[in-house]
Amino acid sequence: MKQLKMVIHETLRLYPPVTVVSREAFKDMKFRDINVPKGVNELASFPTCTCHLGLDQECLGQNLAMVELKVLIALIVSNFSFSLSPKYNHGPALRLVVEPEHGVDLLVRKL
């Protein structure tokens, strides 16, 4: 199960579901030596933010989602084998969500 979790995290690192996180300051704030006035909208690139977080920093909803995803993946891989096609070209595209620019060419075989 540890390897499955590693695969899920690597997939989310390559293709995160959100590209930008937006937050508004509701009061004057200070982050280290940066003053952020009330009303300022802060945008953070999600792929950049996750590089600095530990992977074990998960809340309750994320744990439930991880269990559901593990069950789903276990059901799928117990019935099929997958491999990347030699034509696969990795190229994440940052749009509303991160998606493969050239698609994902998979070779799927029923077991």
PDB file of N, CA and C in Angstrom:
ATOM      1  N   MET A   1       0.821  -1.203   0.000  1.00  0.00           N
ATOM      2  CA  MET A   1       0.000   0.000   0.000  1.00  0.00           C
ATOM      3  C   MET A   1       0.858   1.258   0.000  1.00  0.00           C
ATOM      4  N   LYS A   2       2.066   1.178   0.560  1.00  0.00           N
ATOM      5  CA  LYS A   2       2.932   2.352   0.582  1.00  0.00           C
ATOM      6  C   LYS A   2       3.321   2.742  -0.845  1.00  0.00           C
ATOM      7  N   GLN A   3       3.585   1.742  -1.704  1.00  0.00           N
ATOM      8  CA  GLN A   3       3.950   2.037  -3.076  1.00  0.00           C
ATOM      9  C   GLN A   3       2.781   2.660  -3.840  1.00  0.00           C
ATOM     10  N   LEU A   4       1.563   2.204  -3.551  1.00  0.00           N
ATOM     11  CA  LEU A   4       0.388   2.771  -4.198  1.00  0.00           C
ATOM     12  C   LEU A   4       0.233   4.239  -3.810  1.00  0.00           C
ATOM     13  N   LYS A   5       0.469   4.547  -2.543  1.00  0.00           N
ATOM     14  CA  LYS A   5       0.397   5.937  -2.085  1.00  0.00           C
ATOM     15  C   LYS A   5       1.449   6.786  -2.795  1.00  0.00           C
ATOM     16  N   MET A   6       2.635   6.207  -3.007  1.00  0.00           N
ATOM     17  CA  MET A   6       3.694   6.934  -3.697  1.00  0.00           C
ATOM     18  C   MET A   6       3.295   7.216  -5.150  1.00  0.00           C
ATOM     19  N   VAL A   7       2.657   6.254  -5.807  1.00  0.00           N
ATOM     20  CA  VAL A   7       2.199   6.441  -7.181  1.00  0.00           C
ATOM     21  C   VAL A   7       1.145   7.545  -7.249  1.00  0.00           C
ATOM     22  N   ILE A   8       0.210   7.537  -6.310  1.00  0.00           N
ATOM     23  CA  ILE A   8      -0.849   8.554  -6.272  1.00  0.00           C
ATOM     24  C   ILE A   8      -0.233   9.940  -6.069  1.00  0.00           C
ATOM     25  N   HIS A   9       0.691  10.054  -5.135  1.00  0.00           N
ATOM     26  CA  HIS A   9       1.310  11.359  -4.866  1.00  0.00           C
ATOM     27  C   HIS A   9       2.131  11.851  -6.062  1.00  0.00           C
ATOM     28  N   GLU A  10       2.808  10.946  -6.739  1.00  0.00           N
ATOM     29  CA  GLU A  10       3.586  11.350  -7.908  1.00  0.00           C
ATOM     30  C   GLU A  10       2.665  11.803  -9.034  1.00  0.00           C
ATOM     31  N   THR A  11       1.541  11.114  -9.211  1.00  0.00           N
ATOM     32  CA  THR A  11       0.561  11.518 -10.216  1.00  0.00           C
ATOM     33  C   THR A  11       0.013  12.898  -9.898  1.00  0.00           C
ATOM     34  N   LEU A  12      -0.317  13.139  -8.621  1.00  0.00           N
ATOM     35  CA  LEU A  12      -0.825  14.452  -8.231  1.00  0.00           C
ATOM     36  C   LEU A  12       0.247  15.531  -8.346  1.00  0.00           C
ATOM     37  N   ARG A  13       1.505  15.162  -8.174  1.00  0.00           N
ATOM     38  CA  ARG A  13       2.589  16.139  -8.356  1.00  0.00           C
ATOM     39  C   ARG A  13       2.719  16.526  -9.823  1.00  0.00           C
ATOM     40  N   LEU A  14       2.641  15.530 -10.711  1.00  0.00           N
ATOM     41  CA  LEU A  14       2.764  15.808 -12.139  1.00  0.00           C
ATOM     42  C   LEU A  14       1.541  16.519 -12.700  1.00  0.00           C
ATOM     43  N   TYR A  15       0.366  16.127 -12.243  1.00  0.00           N
ATOM     44  CA  TYR A  15      -0.887  16.696 -12.740  1.00  0.00           C
ATOM     45  C   TYR A  15      -1.791  17.074 -11.567  1.00  0.00           C
ATOM     46  N   PRO A  16      -1.472  18.161 -10.848  1.00  0.00           N
ATOM     47  CA  PRO A  16      -2.315  18.557  -9.718  1.00  0.00           C
ATOM     48  C   PRO A  16      -3.691  19.015 -10.200  1.00  0.00           C
ATOM     49  N   PRO A  17      -4.725  18.806  -9.377  1.00  0.00           N
ATOM     50  CA  PRO A  17      -6.075  19.178  -9.791  1.00  0.00           C
ATOM     51  C   PRO A  17      -6.309  20.684  -9.814  1.00  0.00           C
ATOM     52  N   VAL A  18      -5.449  21.461  -9.181  1.00  0.00           N
ATOM     53  CA  VAL A  18      -5.605  22.916  -9.106  1.00  0.00           C
ATOM     54  C   VAL A  18      -4.279  23.559  -9.471  1.00  0.00           C
ATOM     55  N   THR A  19      -4.310  24.605 -10.299  1.00  0.00           N
ATOM     56  CA  THR A  19      -3.065  25.263 -10.684  1.00  0.00           C
ATOM     57  C   THR A  19      -2.759  26.495  -9.851  1.00  0.00           C
ATOM     58  N   VAL A  20      -3.789  27.221  -9.427  1.00  0.00           N
ATOM     59  CA  VAL A  20      -3.579  28.454  -8.679  1.00  0.00           C
ATOM     60  C   VAL A  20      -4.533  28.500  -7.492  1.00  0.00           C
ATOM     61  N   VAL A  21      -4.009  28.931  -6.353  1.00  0.00           N
ATOM     62  CA  VAL A  21      -4.820  29.123  -5.161  1.00  0.00           C
ATOM     63  C   VAL A  21      -4.896  30.622  -4.907  1.00  0.00           C
ATOM     64  N   SER A  22      -6.102  31.148  -4.710  1.00  0.00           N
ATOM     65  CA  SER A  22      -6.303  32.574  -4.478  1.00  0.00           C
ATOM     66  C   SER A  22      -6.834  32.801  -3.068  1.00  0.00           C
ATOM     67  N   ARG A  23      -6.259  33.769  -2.371  1.00  0.00           N
ATOM     68  CA  ARG A  23      -6.719  34.124  -1.028  1.00  0.00           C
ATOM     69  C   ARG A  23      -6.768  35.637  -0.907  1.00  0.00           C
ATOM     70  N   GLU A  24      -7.770  36.149  -0.192  1.00  0.00           N
ATOM     71  CA  GLU A  24      -7.890  37.581   0.065  1.00  0.00           C
ATOM     72  C   GLU A  24      -7.557  37.854   1.521  1.00  0.00           C
ATOM     73  N   ALA A  25      -6.765  38.881   1.760  1.00  0.00           N
ATOM     74  CA  ALA A  25      -6.438  39.281   3.132  1.00  0.00           C
ATOM     75  C   ALA A  25      -7.617  40.065   3.696  1.00  0.00           C
ATOM     76  N   PHE A  26      -8.236  39.558   4.770  1.00  0.00           N
ATOM     77  CA  PHE A  26      -9.377  40.229   5.397  1.00  0.00           C
ATOM     78  C   PHE A  26      -8.945  41.259   6.431  1.00  0.00           C
ATOM     79  N   LYS A  27      -7.671  41.293   6.740  1.00  0.00           N
ATOM     80  CA  LYS A  27      -7.118  42.300   7.649  1.00  0.00           C
ATOM     81  C   LYS A  27      -5.655  42.505   7.280  1.00  0.00           C
ATOM     82  N   ASP A  28      -5.065  43.591   7.749  1.00  0.00           N
ATOM     83  CA  ASP A  28      -3.642  43.812   7.510  1.00  0.00           C
ATOM     84  C   ASP A  28      -2.859  42.660   8.132  1.00  0.00           C
ATOM     85  N   MET A  29      -1.930  42.110   7.370  1.00  0.00           N
ATOM     86  CA  MET A  29      -1.173  40.959   7.842  1.00  0.00           C
ATOM     87  C   MET A  29       0.305  41.163   7.550  1.00  0.00           C
ATOM     88  N   LYS A  30       1.106  40.350   8.187  1.00  0.00           N
ATOM     89  CA  LYS A  30       2.542  40.371   7.927  1.00  0.00           C
ATOM     90  C   LYS A  30       3.046  38.941   7.854  1.00  0.00           C
ATOM     91  N   PHE A  31       3.685  38.597   6.730  1.00  0.00           N
ATOM     92  CA  PHE A  31       4.334  37.308   6.559  1.00  0.00           C
ATOM     93  C   PHE A  31       5.828  37.557   6.552  1.00  0.00           C
ATOM     94  N   ARG A  32       6.472  37.158   7.640  1.00  0.00           N
ATOM     95  CA  ARG A  32       7.900  37.448   7.835  1.00  0.00           C
ATOM     96  C   ARG A  32       8.135  38.933   7.665  1.00  0.00           C
ATOM     97  N   ASP A  33       8.823  39.378   6.627  1.00  0.00           N
ATOM     98  CA  ASP A  33       9.081  40.805   6.453  1.00  0.00           C
ATOM     99  C   ASP A  33       8.227  41.433   5.350  1.00  0.00           C
ATOM    100  N   ILE A  34       7.142  40.750   4.951  1.00  0.00           N
ATOM    101  CA  ILE A  34       6.265  41.264   3.900  1.00  0.00           C
ATOM    102  C   ILE A  34       4.949  41.713   4.514  1.00  0.00           C
ATOM    103  N   ASN A  35       4.601  42.991   4.315  1.00  0.00           N
ATOM    104  CA  ASN A  35       3.313  43.528   4.771  1.00  0.00           C
ATOM    105  C   ASN A  35       2.267  43.303   3.694  1.00  0.00           C
ATOM    106  N   VAL A  36       1.124  42.725   4.092  1.00  0.00           N
ATOM    107  CA  VAL A  36       0.018  42.469   3.171  1.00  0.00           C
ATOM    108  C   VAL A  36      -1.177  43.274   3.665  1.00  0.00           C
ATOM    109  N   PRO A  37      -1.553  44.343   2.940  1.00  0.00           N
ATOM    110  CA  PRO A  37      -2.681  45.167   3.373  1.00  0.00           C
ATOM    111  C   PRO A  37      -4.020  44.446   3.189  1.00  0.00           C
ATOM    112  N   LYS A  38      -4.992  44.846   3.992  1.00  0.00           N
ATOM    113  CA  LYS A  38      -6.350  44.303   3.899  1.00  0.00           C
ATOM    114  C   LYS A  38      -6.874  44.504   2.481  1.00  0.00           C
ATOM    115  N   GLY A  39      -7.556  43.481   1.923  1.00  0.00           N
ATOM    116  CA  GLY A  39      -8.161  43.568   0.601  1.00  0.00           C
ATOM    117  C   GLY A  39      -7.286  43.078  -0.541  1.00  0.00           C
ATOM    118  N   VAL A  40      -6.036  42.800  -0.257  1.00  0.00           N
ATOM    119  CA  VAL A  40      -5.134  42.322  -1.308  1.00  0.00           C
ATOM    120  C   VAL A  40      -5.442  40.859  -1.618  1.00  0.00           C
ATOM    121  N   ASN A  41      -5.522  40.538  -2.902  1.00  0.00           N
ATOM    122  CA  ASN A  41      -5.685  39.144  -3.325  1.00  0.00           C
ATOM    123  C   ASN A  41      -4.316  38.550  -3.565  1.00  0.00           C
ATOM    124  N   GLU A  42      -4.075  37.411  -2.951  1.00  0.00           N
ATOM    125  CA  GLU A  42      -2.802  36.722  -3.098  1.00  0.00           C
ATOM    126  C   GLU A  42      -3.021  35.497  -3.970  1.00  0.00           C
ATOM    127  N   LEU A  43      -2.188  35.331  -4.959  1.00  0.00           N
ATOM    128  CA  LEU A  43      -2.247  34.162  -5.831  1.00  0.00           C
ATOM    129  C   LEU A  43      -0.988  33.346  -5.618  1.00  0.00           C
ATOM    130  N   ALA A  44      -1.157  32.047  -5.463  1.00  0.00           N
ATOM    131  CA  ALA A  44      -0.007  31.157  -5.300  1.00  0.00           C
ATOM    132  C   ALA A  44      -0.144  30.013  -6.294  1.00  0.00           C
ATOM    133  N   SER A  45       0.944  29.705  -6.947  1.00  0.00           N
ATOM    134  CA  SER A  45       0.970  28.579  -7.870  1.00  0.00           C
ATOM    135  C   SER A  45       0.954  27.293  -7.058  1.00  0.00           C
ATOM    136  N   PHE A  46      -0.075  26.482  -7.228  1.00  0.00           N
ATOM    137  CA  PHE A  46      -0.206  25.259  -6.440  1.00  0.00           C
ATOM    138  C   PHE A  46       0.962  24.301  -6.638  1.00  0.00           C
ATOM    139  N   PRO A  47       1.407  24.059  -7.879  1.00  0.00           N
ATOM    140  CA  PRO A  47       2.557  23.162  -8.037  1.00  0.00           C
ATOM    141  C   PRO A  47       3.789  23.659  -7.282  1.00  0.00           C
ATOM    142  N   THR A  48       3.977  24.975  -7.213  1.00  0.00           N
ATOM    143  CA  THR A  48       5.105  25.533  -6.478  1.00  0.00           C
ATOM    144  C   THR A  48       4.934  25.329  -4.981  1.00  0.00           C
ATOM    145  N   CYS A  49       3.719  25.537  -4.482  1.00  0.00           N
ATOM    146  CA  CYS A  49       3.457  25.403  -3.040  1.00  0.00           C
ATOM    147  C   CYS A  49       3.700  23.985  -2.545  1.00  0.00           C
ATOM    148  N   THR A  50       3.280  22.998  -3.311  1.00  0.00           N
ATOM    149  CA  THR A  50       3.365  21.617  -2.846  1.00  0.00           C
ATOM    150  C   THR A  50       4.783  21.084  -2.802  1.00  0.00           C
ATOM    151  N   CYS A  51       5.704  21.779  -3.467  1.00  0.00           N
ATOM    152  CA  CYS A  51       7.100  21.323  -3.431  1.00  0.00           C
ATOM    153  C   CYS A  51       7.679  21.422  -2.032  1.00  0.00           C
ATOM    154  N   HIS A  52       7.148  22.321  -1.217  1.00  0.00           N
ATOM    155  CA  HIS A  52       7.729  22.601   0.087  1.00  0.00           C
ATOM    156  C   HIS A  52       6.958  21.966   1.238  1.00  0.00           C
ATOM    157  N   LEU A  53       5.869  21.286   0.939  1.00  0.00           N
ATOM    158  CA  LEU A  53       5.062  20.657   1.989  1.00  0.00           C
ATOM    159  C   LEU A  53       5.453  19.206   2.152  1.00  0.00           C
ATOM    160  N   GLY A  54       5.379  18.712   3.388  1.00  0.00           N
ATOM    161  CA  GLY A  54       5.586  17.287   3.608  1.00  0.00           C
ATOM    162  C   GLY A  54       4.369  16.528   3.126  1.00  0.00           C
ATOM    163  N   LEU A  55       4.579  15.340   2.570  1.00  0.00           N
ATOM    164  CA  LEU A  55       3.455  14.576   2.039  1.00  0.00           C
ATOM    165  C   LEU A  55       2.557  14.024   3.131  1.00  0.00           C
ATOM    166  N   ASP A  56       3.015  14.055   4.385  1.00  0.00           N
ATOM    167  CA  ASP A  56       2.188  13.527   5.465  1.00  0.00           C
ATOM    168  C   ASP A  56       1.298  14.595   6.082  1.00  0.00           C
ATOM    169  N   GLN A  57       1.234  15.790   5.506  1.00  0.00           N
ATOM    170  CA  GLN A  57       0.387  16.858   6.011  1.00  0.00           C
ATOM    171  C   GLN A  57      -0.982  16.755   5.352  1.00  0.00           C
ATOM    172  N   GLU A  58      -1.795  15.794   5.782  1.00  0.00           N
ATOM    173  CA  GLU A  58      -3.101  15.559   5.182  1.00  0.00           C
ATOM    174  C   GLU A  58      -4.189  15.734   6.244  1.00  0.00           C
ATOM    175  N   CYS A  59      -5.329  16.275   5.843  1.00  0.00           N
ATOM    176  CA  CYS A  59      -6.472  16.387   6.798  1.00  0.00           C
ATOM    177  C   CYS A  59      -7.405  15.202   6.587  1.00  0.00           C
ATOM    178  N   LEU A  60      -8.515  15.138   7.361  1.00  0.00           N
ATOM    179  CA  LEU A  60      -9.434  13.994   7.376  1.00  0.00           C
ATOM    180  C   LEU A  60     -10.030  13.712   6.001  1.00  0.00           C
ATOM    181  N   GLY A  61     -10.482  14.744   5.276  1.00  0.00           N
ATOM    182  CA  GLY A  61     -11.067  14.553   3.953  1.00  0.00           C
ATOM    183  C   GLY A  61     -10.070  13.967   2.969  1.00  0.00           C
ATOM    184  N   GLN A  62      -8.806  14.393   3.066  1.00  0.00           N
ATOM    185  CA  GLN A  62      -7.778  13.858   2.181  1.00  0.00           C
ATOM    186  C   GLN A  62      -7.522  12.387   2.483  1.00  0.00           C
ATOM    187  N   ASN A  63      -7.584  12.004   3.747  1.00  0.00           N
ATOM    188  CA  ASN A  63      -7.387  10.598   4.109  1.00  0.00           C
ATOM    189  C   ASN A  63      -8.500   9.732   3.520  1.00  0.00           C
ATOM    190  N   LEU A  64      -9.745  10.187   3.624  1.00  0.00           N
ATOM    191  CA  LEU A  64     -10.866   9.438   3.059  1.00  0.00           C
ATOM    192  C   LEU A  64     -10.728   9.341   1.542  1.00  0.00           C
ATOM    193  N   ALA A  65     -10.379  10.450   0.896  1.00  0.00           N
ATOM    194  CA  ALA A  65     -10.200  10.437  -0.557  1.00  0.00           C
ATOM    195  C   ALA A  65      -9.080   9.476  -0.942  1.00  0.00           C
ATOM    196  N   MET A  66      -8.015   9.431  -0.153  1.00  0.00           N
ATOM    197  CA  MET A  66      -6.886   8.537  -0.449  1.00  0.00           C
ATOM    198  C   MET A  66      -7.318   7.070  -0.338  1.00  0.00           C
ATOM    199  N   VAL A  67      -8.100   6.734   0.684  1.00  0.00           N
ATOM    200  CA  VAL A  67      -8.592   5.358   0.842  1.00  0.00           C
ATOM    201  C   VAL A  67      -9.490   4.982  -0.331  1.00  0.00           C
ATOM    202  N   GLU A  68     -10.401   5.878  -0.704  1.00  0.00           N
ATOM    203  CA  GLU A  68     -11.286   5.602  -1.837  1.00  0.00           C
ATOM    204  C   GLU A  68     -10.489   5.406  -3.127  1.00  0.00           C
ATOM    205  N   LEU A  69      -9.485   6.243  -3.334  1.00  0.00           N
ATOM    206  CA  LEU A  69      -8.663   6.135  -4.530  1.00  0.00           C
ATOM    207  C   LEU A  69      -7.873   4.835  -4.553  1.00  0.00           C
ATOM    208  N   LYS A  70      -7.347   4.417  -3.390  1.00  0.00           N
ATOM    209  CA  LYS A  70      -6.607   3.152  -3.316  1.00  0.00           C
ATOM    210  C   LYS A  70      -7.499   1.965  -3.644  1.00  0.00           C
ATOM    211  N   VAL A  71      -8.729   1.963  -3.140  1.00  0.00           N
ATOM    212  CA  VAL A  71      -9.665   0.870  -3.430  1.00  0.00           C
ATOM    213  C   VAL A  71      -9.981   0.832  -4.918  1.00  0.00           C
ATOM    214  N   LEU A  72     -10.250   2.000  -5.500  1.00  0.00           N
ATOM    215  CA  LEU A  72     -10.573   2.070  -6.922  1.00  0.00           C
ATOM    216  C   LEU A  72      -9.403   1.583  -7.775  1.00  0.00           C
ATOM    217  N   ILE A  73      -8.208   2.055  -7.460  1.00  0.00           N
ATOM    218  CA  ILE A  73      -7.030   1.637  -8.232  1.00  0.00           C
ATOM    219  C   ILE A  73      -6.783   0.144  -8.071  1.00  0.00           C
ATOM    220  N   ALA A  74      -6.958  -0.382  -6.849  1.00  0.00           N
ATOM    221  CA  ALA A  74      -6.760  -1.817  -6.619  1.00  0.00           C
ATOM    222  C   ALA A  74      -7.736  -2.640  -7.461  1.00  0.00           C
ATOM    223  N   LEU A  75      -8.976  -2.200  -7.553  1.00  0.00           N
ATOM    224  CA  LEU A  75      -9.960  -2.916  -8.377  1.00  0.00           C
ATOM    225  C   LEU A  75      -9.583  -2.882  -9.858  1.00  0.00           C
ATOM    226  N   ILE A  76      -9.104  -1.742 -10.318  1.00  0.00           N
ATOM    227  CA  ILE A  76      -8.749  -1.611 -11.731  1.00  0.00           C
ATOM    228  C   ILE A  76      -7.509  -2.439 -12.065  1.00  0.00           C
ATOM    229  N   VAL A  77      -6.451  -2.316 -11.253  1.00  0.00           N
ATOM    230  CA  VAL A  77      -5.204  -3.022 -11.599  1.00  0.00           C
ATOM    231  C   VAL A  77      -5.303  -4.525 -11.371  1.00  0.00           C
ATOM    232  N   SER A  78      -6.311  -4.977 -10.624  1.00  0.00           N
ATOM    233  CA  SER A  78      -6.476  -6.419 -10.459  1.00  0.00           C
ATOM    234  C   SER A  78      -7.124  -7.053 -11.697  1.00  0.00           C
ATOM    235  N   ASN A  79      -7.697  -6.231 -12.574  1.00  0.00           N
ATOM    236  CA  ASN A  79      -8.343  -6.741 -13.781  1.00  0.00           C
ATOM    237  C   ASN A  79      -7.649  -6.359 -15.084  1.00  0.00           C
ATOM    238  N   PHE A  80      -6.747  -5.398 -15.031  1.00  0.00           N
ATOM    239  CA  PHE A  80      -6.092  -4.907 -16.238  1.00  0.00           C
ATOM    240  C   PHE A  80      -4.611  -4.668 -15.978  1.00  0.00           C
ATOM    241  N   SER A  81      -3.819  -4.720 -17.034  1.00  0.00           N
ATOM    242  CA  SER A  81      -2.414  -4.305 -16.929  1.00  0.00           C
ATOM    243  C   SER A  81      -2.243  -3.064 -17.799  1.00  0.00           C
ATOM    244  N   PHE A  82      -1.432  -2.151 -17.335  1.00  0.00           N
ATOM    245  CA  PHE A  82      -1.220  -0.877 -18.017  1.00  0.00           C
ATOM    246  C   PHE A  82       0.263  -0.660 -18.248  1.00  0.00           C
ATOM    247  N   SER A  83       0.581  -0.059 -19.370  1.00  0.00           N
ATOM    248  CA  SER A  83       1.945   0.405 -19.616  1.00  0.00           C
ATOM    249  C   SER A  83       1.851   1.625 -20.524  1.00  0.00           C
ATOM    250  N   LEU A  84       2.841   2.506 -20.391  1.00  0.00           N
ATOM    251  CA  LEU A  84       2.863   3.687 -21.246  1.00  0.00           C
ATOM    252  C   LEU A  84       3.246   3.291 -22.655  1.00  0.00           C
ATOM    253  N   SER A  85       2.591   3.872 -23.599  1.00  0.00           N
ATOM    254  CA  SER A  85       2.933   3.655 -24.995  1.00  0.00           C
ATOM    255  C   SER A  85       4.283   4.306 -25.286  1.00  0.00           C
ATOM    256  N   PRO A  86       5.051   3.744 -26.190  1.00  0.00           N
ATOM    257  CA  PRO A  86       6.308   4.388 -26.581  1.00  0.00           C
ATOM    258  C   PRO A  86       6.081   5.791 -27.168  1.00  0.00           C
ATOM    259  N   LYS A  87       4.859   6.071 -27.616  1.00  0.00           N
ATOM    260  CA  LYS A  87       4.527   7.383 -28.184  1.00  0.00           C
ATOM    261  C   LYS A  87       4.278   8.447 -27.107  1.00  0.00           C
ATOM    262  N   TYR A  88       4.191   8.045 -25.821  1.00  0.00           N
ATOM    263  CA  TYR A  88       3.854   9.001 -24.758  1.00  0.00           C
ATOM    264  C   TYR A  88       4.879  10.125 -24.691  1.00  0.00           C
ATOM    265  N   ASN A  89       4.381  11.348 -24.600  1.00  0.00           N
ATOM    266  CA  ASN A  89       5.231  12.537 -24.501  1.00  0.00           C
ATOM    267  C   ASN A  89       4.747  13.348 -23.304  1.00  0.00           C
ATOM    268  N   HIS A  90       5.524  13.369 -22.225  1.00  0.00           N
ATOM    269  CA  HIS A  90       5.115  14.082 -21.013  1.00  0.00           C
ATOM    270  C   HIS A  90       5.166  15.585 -21.247  1.00  0.00           C
ATOM    271  N   GLY A  91       4.033  16.243 -21.017  1.00  0.00           N
ATOM    272  CA  GLY A  91       3.972  17.691 -21.191  1.00  0.00           C
ATOM    273  C   GLY A  91       2.770  18.243 -20.470  1.00  0.00           C
ATOM    274  N   PRO A  92       2.890  18.536 -19.166  1.00  0.00           N
ATOM    275  CA  PRO A  92       1.747  19.107 -18.452  1.00  0.00           C
ATOM    276  C   PRO A  92       1.420  20.503 -18.972  1.00  0.00           C
ATOM    277  N   ALA A  93       0.136  20.780 -19.158  1.00  0.00           N
ATOM    278  CA  ALA A  93      -0.325  22.084 -19.630  1.00  0.00           C
ATOM    279  C   ALA A  93      -1.087  22.764 -18.491  1.00  0.00           C
ATOM    280  N   LEU A  94      -0.661  23.966 -18.123  1.00  0.00           N
ATOM    281  CA  LEU A  94      -1.312  24.709 -17.052  1.00  0.00           C
ATOM    282  C   LEU A  94      -2.466  25.506 -17.636  1.00  0.00           C
ATOM    283  N   ARG A  95      -3.658  24.999 -17.417  1.00  0.00           N
ATOM    284  CA  ARG A  95      -4.882  25.678 -17.839  1.00  0.00           C
ATOM    285  C   ARG A  95      -5.710  25.873 -16.577  1.00  0.00           C
ATOM    286  N   LEU A  96      -7.023  25.748 -16.646  1.00  0.00           N
ATOM    287  CA  LEU A  96      -7.833  25.817 -15.434  1.00  0.00           C
ATOM    288  C   LEU A  96      -7.413  24.717 -14.470  1.00  0.00           C
ATOM    289  N   VAL A  97      -7.140  23.549 -15.028  1.00  0.00           N
ATOM    290  CA  VAL A  97      -6.538  22.446 -14.281  1.00  0.00           C
ATOM    291  C   VAL A  97      -5.294  22.026 -15.045  1.00  0.00           C
ATOM    292  N   VAL A  98      -4.426  21.264 -14.394  1.00  0.00           N
ATOM    293  CA  VAL A  98      -3.248  20.765 -15.101  1.00  0.00           C
ATOM    294  C   VAL A  98      -3.660  19.503 -15.831  1.00  0.00           C
ATOM    295  N   GLU A  99      -3.376  19.473 -17.123  1.00  0.00           N
ATOM    296  CA  GLU A  99      -3.747  18.312 -17.918  1.00  0.00           C
ATOM    297  C   GLU A  99      -2.614  17.978 -18.879  1.00  0.00           C
ATOM    298  N   PRO A 100      -2.563  16.742 -19.358  1.00  0.00           N
ATOM    299  CA  PRO A 100      -1.511  16.371 -20.307  1.00  0.00           C
ATOM    300  C   PRO A 100      -1.712  17.089 -21.643  1.00  0.00           C
ATOM    301  N   GLU A 101      -0.718  17.841 -22.063  1.00  0.00           N
ATOM    302  CA  GLU A 101      -0.794  18.604 -23.313  1.00  0.00           C
ATOM    303  C   GLU A 101      -1.025  17.686 -24.511  1.00  0.00           C
ATOM    304  N   HIS A 102      -0.371  16.542 -24.519  1.00  0.00           N
ATOM    305  CA  HIS A 102      -0.425  15.633 -25.670  1.00  0.00           C
ATOM    306  C   HIS A 102      -1.258  14.386 -25.388  1.00  0.00           C
ATOM    307  N   GLY A 103      -2.031  14.388 -24.305  1.00  0.00           N
ATOM    308  CA  GLY A 103      -2.801  13.208 -23.933  1.00  0.00           C
ATOM    309  C   GLY A 103      -1.911  12.173 -23.251  1.00  0.00           C
ATOM    310  N   VAL A 104      -2.508  11.070 -22.855  1.00  0.00           N
ATOM    311  CA  VAL A 104      -1.756   9.978 -22.234  1.00  0.00           C
ATOM    312  C   VAL A 104      -2.039   8.715 -23.022  1.00  0.00           C
ATOM    313  N   ASP A 105      -1.040   8.260 -23.750  1.00  0.00           N
ATOM    314  CA  ASP A 105      -1.184   7.036 -24.540  1.00  0.00           C
ATOM    315  C   ASP A 105      -0.831   5.838 -23.665  1.00  0.00           C
ATOM    316  N   LEU A 106      -1.845   5.022 -23.369  1.00  0.00           N
ATOM    317  CA  LEU A 106      -1.654   3.833 -22.543  1.00  0.00           C
ATOM    318  C   LEU A 106      -1.920   2.576 -23.352  1.00  0.00           C
ATOM    319  N   LEU A 107      -1.195   1.529 -23.027  1.00  0.00           N
ATOM    320  CA  LEU A 107      -1.491   0.199 -23.550  1.00  0.00           C
ATOM    321  C   LEU A 107      -2.202  -0.551 -22.427  1.00  0.00           C
ATOM    322  N   VAL A 108      -3.439  -0.958 -22.669  1.00  0.00           N
ATOM    323  CA  VAL A 108      -4.271  -1.607 -21.651  1.00  0.00           C
ATOM    324  C   VAL A 108      -4.566  -3.027 -22.099  1.00  0.00           C
ATOM    325  N   ARG A 109      -4.338  -3.982 -21.193  1.00  0.00           N
ATOM    326  CA  ARG A 109      -4.646  -5.386 -21.472  1.00  0.00           C
ATOM    327  C   ARG A 109      -5.456  -5.964 -20.325  1.00  0.00           C
ATOM    328  N   LYS A 110      -6.528  -6.694 -20.669  1.00  0.00           N
ATOM    329  CA  LYS A 110      -7.341  -7.366 -19.657  1.00  0.00           C
ATOM    330  C   LYS A 110      -6.567  -8.586 -19.161  1.00  0.00           C
ATOM    331  N   LEU A 111      -6.539  -8.767 -17.858  1.00  0.00           N
ATOM    332  CA  LEU A 111      -5.837  -9.920 -17.280  1.00  0.00           C
ATOM    333  C   LEU A 111      -6.714 -11.151 -17.303  1.00  0.00           C
TER     334      LEU A 111
END
